Amino acid sequence: MTVIFYDFETTGLNWFYDQIIEIGAENNGNKFEELCNIGDTMLPYIVTKITGLTVHDLKNAEPEAKVLRDFCQFVRKAGENGK
């Protein structure tokens, strides 16, 4: 059985308007941790206070779509290794 622990940090709680800013996951010591570039989107002060992340931290990160693809590959690989 494969167990993957994961955590998404976002710009808010609205799934339609808000964006992912960080994805973290772990499976049997294998870690996935990536920041997401949110472009010109403002990062609310409360999000910075909770996560410690700033717009500057996200500026050079990959776009959300690429990070999500990479995360899906991580999950797929973990599932294949757990068979």
N, C-alpha and C. Protein backbone atom coordinates (compact mmCIF):
# COMPACT_ATOMS: atom_id res chain seq x y z
N MET A 1 0.84 -1.18 0.00
CA MET A 1 0.00 0.00 0.00
C MET A 1 0.88 1.24 0.00
N THR A 2 0.52 2.20 -0.80
CA THR A 2 1.26 3.45 -0.90
C THR A 2 0.52 4.56 -0.17
N VAL A 3 1.23 5.28 0.69
CA VAL A 3 0.66 6.42 1.40
C VAL A 3 1.48 7.65 1.04
N ILE A 4 0.81 8.68 0.58
CA ILE A 4 1.47 9.93 0.23
C ILE A 4 0.86 11.04 1.08
N PHE A 5 1.69 11.74 1.79
CA PHE A 5 1.25 12.91 2.55
C PHE A 5 1.50 14.13 1.68
N TYR A 6 0.50 14.99 1.56
CA TYR A 6 0.68 16.17 0.71
C TYR A 6 0.02 17.40 1.34
N ASP A 7 0.49 18.56 0.89
CA ASP A 7 -0.01 19.83 1.41
C ASP A 7 0.02 20.85 0.29
N PHE A 8 -1.08 21.56 0.11
CA PHE A 8 -1.16 22.64 -0.86
C PHE A 8 -1.29 23.96 -0.10
N GLU A 9 -0.50 24.94 -0.48
CA GLU A 9 -0.66 26.31 0.04
C GLU A 9 -1.25 27.12 -1.11
N THR A 10 -2.22 27.98 -0.79
CA THR A 10 -2.90 28.75 -1.83
C THR A 10 -3.00 30.23 -1.44
N THR A 11 -3.46 31.04 -2.40
CA THR A 11 -3.64 32.46 -2.13
C THR A 11 -4.94 32.74 -1.37
N GLY A 12 -5.74 31.71 -1.15
CA GLY A 12 -7.00 31.87 -0.42
C GLY A 12 -7.76 30.56 -0.42
N LEU A 13 -9.04 30.62 -0.09
CA LEU A 13 -9.84 29.41 0.05
C LEU A 13 -10.86 29.21 -1.07
N ASN A 14 -10.92 30.12 -2.03
CA ASN A 14 -11.88 30.02 -3.12
C ASN A 14 -11.26 29.25 -4.27
N TRP A 15 -11.75 28.04 -4.55
CA TRP A 15 -11.15 27.18 -5.57
C TRP A 15 -11.23 27.79 -6.96
N PHE A 16 -12.16 28.70 -7.19
CA PHE A 16 -12.34 29.29 -8.52
C PHE A 16 -11.39 30.46 -8.75
N TYR A 17 -11.18 31.30 -7.74
CA TYR A 17 -10.41 32.52 -7.91
C TYR A 17 -8.96 32.43 -7.43
N ASP A 18 -8.70 31.61 -6.45
CA ASP A 18 -7.38 31.58 -5.83
C ASP A 18 -6.44 30.61 -6.52
N GLN A 19 -5.14 30.80 -6.30
CA GLN A 19 -4.12 30.01 -6.98
C GLN A 19 -3.27 29.23 -5.99
N ILE A 20 -2.68 28.15 -6.47
CA ILE A 20 -1.74 27.37 -5.69
C ILE A 20 -0.41 28.12 -5.66
N ILE A 21 0.20 28.24 -4.48
CA ILE A 21 1.51 28.87 -4.39
C ILE A 21 2.61 27.88 -4.00
N GLU A 22 2.22 26.74 -3.43
CA GLU A 22 3.22 25.74 -3.06
C GLU A 22 2.56 24.37 -2.93
N ILE A 23 3.29 23.34 -3.39
CA ILE A 23 2.85 21.96 -3.19
C ILE A 23 4.00 21.22 -2.53
N GLY A 24 3.68 20.51 -1.47
CA GLY A 24 4.66 19.68 -0.79
C GLY A 24 4.09 18.29 -0.61
N ALA A 25 4.93 17.27 -0.75
CA ALA A 25 4.47 15.89 -0.57
C ALA A 25 5.64 15.03 -0.14
N GLU A 26 5.31 13.91 0.51
CA GLU A 26 6.34 12.95 0.91
C GLU A 26 5.78 11.54 0.85
N ASN A 27 6.64 10.64 0.38
CA ASN A 27 6.29 9.23 0.28
C ASN A 27 7.55 8.42 0.55
N ASN A 28 7.57 7.71 1.68
CA ASN A 28 8.72 6.85 2.03
C ASN A 28 10.07 7.57 1.91
N GLY A 29 10.12 8.79 2.38
CA GLY A 29 11.36 9.55 2.35
C GLY A 29 11.61 10.32 1.07
N ASN A 30 10.84 10.05 0.02
CA ASN A 30 10.94 10.81 -1.22
C ASN A 30 10.10 12.07 -1.07
N LYS A 31 10.71 13.21 -1.33
CA LYS A 31 10.01 14.48 -1.12
C LYS A 31 9.78 15.22 -2.42
N PHE A 32 8.66 15.93 -2.46
CA PHE A 32 8.33 16.83 -3.56
C PHE A 32 8.00 18.16 -2.92
N GLU A 33 8.68 19.20 -3.32
CA GLU A 33 8.39 20.53 -2.78
C GLU A 33 8.67 21.57 -3.86
N GLU A 34 7.62 22.22 -4.31
CA GLU A 34 7.75 23.21 -5.38
C GLU A 34 6.88 24.43 -5.09
N LEU A 35 7.43 25.59 -5.41
CA LEU A 35 6.67 26.83 -5.37
C LEU A 35 6.06 27.06 -6.74
N CYS A 36 4.98 27.84 -6.80
CA CYS A 36 4.32 28.16 -8.06
C CYS A 36 4.36 29.67 -8.30
N ASN A 37 4.70 30.05 -9.51
CA ASN A 37 4.69 31.46 -9.90
C ASN A 37 3.24 31.87 -10.13
N ILE A 38 2.82 32.94 -9.47
CA ILE A 38 1.43 33.39 -9.61
C ILE A 38 1.34 34.66 -10.46
N GLY A 39 2.41 34.99 -11.15
CA GLY A 39 2.39 36.14 -12.05
C GLY A 39 2.15 37.44 -11.30
N ASP A 40 1.21 38.22 -11.79
CA ASP A 40 0.91 39.54 -11.19
C ASP A 40 -0.13 39.49 -10.08
N THR A 41 -0.56 38.30 -9.71
CA THR A 41 -1.57 38.15 -8.65
C THR A 41 -1.00 38.64 -7.32
N MET A 42 -1.81 39.39 -6.61
CA MET A 42 -1.40 39.87 -5.30
C MET A 42 -1.43 38.71 -4.30
N LEU A 43 -0.48 38.70 -3.40
CA LEU A 43 -0.45 37.70 -2.35
C LEU A 43 -0.96 38.38 -1.07
N PRO A 44 -2.12 37.98 -0.58
CA PRO A 44 -2.67 38.63 0.60
C PRO A 44 -1.72 38.56 1.80
N TYR A 45 -1.72 39.61 2.59
CA TYR A 45 -0.84 39.70 3.76
C TYR A 45 -1.03 38.50 4.68
N ILE A 46 -2.28 38.08 4.88
CA ILE A 46 -2.55 36.97 5.78
C ILE A 46 -1.90 35.68 5.28
N VAL A 47 -1.81 35.49 3.96
CA VAL A 47 -1.17 34.31 3.40
C VAL A 47 0.33 34.35 3.68
N THR A 48 0.94 35.52 3.52
CA THR A 48 2.36 35.68 3.83
C THR A 48 2.60 35.41 5.31
N LYS A 49 1.71 35.92 6.16
CA LYS A 49 1.86 35.72 7.60
C LYS A 49 1.76 34.24 7.97
N ILE A 50 0.84 33.51 7.33
CA ILE A 50 0.64 32.09 7.65
C ILE A 50 1.75 31.22 7.07
N THR A 51 2.11 31.46 5.80
CA THR A 51 3.05 30.58 5.09
C THR A 51 4.49 31.03 5.15
N GLY A 52 4.70 32.33 5.38
CA GLY A 52 6.05 32.87 5.34
C GLY A 52 6.53 33.15 3.92
N LEU A 53 5.68 32.89 2.92
CA LEU A 53 6.06 33.11 1.53
C LEU A 53 5.70 34.53 1.10
N THR A 54 6.51 35.09 0.21
CA THR A 54 6.26 36.41 -0.34
C THR A 54 6.21 36.32 -1.86
N VAL A 55 5.74 37.37 -2.51
CA VAL A 55 5.72 37.42 -3.98
C VAL A 55 7.14 37.24 -4.52
N HIS A 56 8.11 37.78 -3.82
CA HIS A 56 9.51 37.64 -4.23
C HIS A 56 9.94 36.17 -4.25
N ASP A 57 9.48 35.39 -3.29
CA ASP A 57 9.80 33.95 -3.24
C ASP A 57 9.25 33.21 -4.45
N LEU A 58 8.10 33.66 -4.95
CA LEU A 58 7.41 32.97 -6.03
C LEU A 58 7.80 33.45 -7.42
N LYS A 59 8.49 34.57 -7.48
CA LYS A 59 8.79 35.23 -8.76
C LYS A 59 9.51 34.33 -9.76
N ASN A 60 10.48 33.54 -9.32
CA ASN A 60 11.27 32.71 -10.22
C ASN A 60 10.81 31.25 -10.27
N ALA A 61 9.68 30.98 -9.65
CA ALA A 61 9.15 29.61 -9.63
C ALA A 61 8.51 29.26 -10.97
N GLU A 62 8.27 27.98 -11.15
CA GLU A 62 7.59 27.49 -12.36
C GLU A 62 6.11 27.85 -12.30
N PRO A 63 5.44 27.92 -13.45
CA PRO A 63 3.99 28.16 -13.46
C PRO A 63 3.22 27.01 -12.79
N GLU A 64 2.05 27.33 -12.27
CA GLU A 64 1.23 26.37 -11.55
C GLU A 64 0.97 25.10 -12.38
N ALA A 65 0.68 25.24 -13.67
CA ALA A 65 0.37 24.08 -14.51
C ALA A 65 1.55 23.10 -14.57
N LYS A 66 2.76 23.61 -14.69
CA LYS A 66 3.94 22.73 -14.73
C LYS A 66 4.16 22.04 -13.39
N VAL A 67 4.00 22.78 -12.31
CA VAL A 67 4.18 22.20 -10.98
C VAL A 67 3.14 21.10 -10.74
N LEU A 68 1.90 21.33 -11.18
CA LEU A 68 0.87 20.30 -11.03
C LEU A 68 1.20 19.05 -11.85
N ARG A 69 1.72 19.23 -13.06
CA ARG A 69 2.14 18.07 -13.86
C ARG A 69 3.25 17.31 -13.16
N ASP A 70 4.23 18.04 -12.62
CA ASP A 70 5.34 17.39 -11.91
C ASP A 70 4.84 16.66 -10.66
N PHE A 71 3.88 17.26 -9.96
CA PHE A 71 3.30 16.61 -8.78
C PHE A 71 2.58 15.32 -9.18
N CYS A 72 1.83 15.37 -10.27
CA CYS A 72 1.13 14.16 -10.75
C CYS A 72 2.13 13.06 -11.10
N GLN A 73 3.27 13.41 -11.68
CA GLN A 73 4.32 12.43 -11.98
C GLN A 73 4.88 11.84 -10.70
N PHE A 74 5.08 12.67 -9.68
CA PHE A 74 5.57 12.20 -8.39
C PHE A 74 4.60 11.17 -7.80
N VAL A 75 3.30 11.49 -7.85
CA VAL A 75 2.28 10.59 -7.30
C VAL A 75 2.23 9.30 -8.11
N ARG A 76 2.28 9.42 -9.43
CA ARG A 76 2.24 8.23 -10.29
C ARG A 76 3.43 7.32 -10.01
N LYS A 77 4.60 7.91 -9.91
CA LYS A 77 5.82 7.13 -9.63
C LYS A 77 5.73 6.45 -8.26
N ALA A 78 5.23 7.17 -7.26
CA ALA A 78 5.08 6.59 -5.92
C ALA A 78 4.12 5.41 -5.96
N GLY A 79 3.04 5.54 -6.74
CA GLY A 79 2.08 4.46 -6.85
C GLY A 79 2.66 3.25 -7.55
N GLU A 80 3.47 3.47 -8.58
CA GLU A 80 4.09 2.38 -9.29
C GLU A 80 5.12 1.66 -8.41
N ASN A 81 5.84 2.40 -7.61
CA ASN A 81 6.86 1.81 -6.73
C ASN A 81 6.22 1.07 -5.56
N GLY A 82 4.95 1.40 -5.25
CA GLY A 82 4.29 0.77 -4.11
C GLY A 82 3.58 -0.53 -4.44
N LYS A 83 3.60 -0.93 -5.71
CA LYS A 83 2.91 -2.16 -6.10
C LYS A 83 3.60 -3.38 -5.57
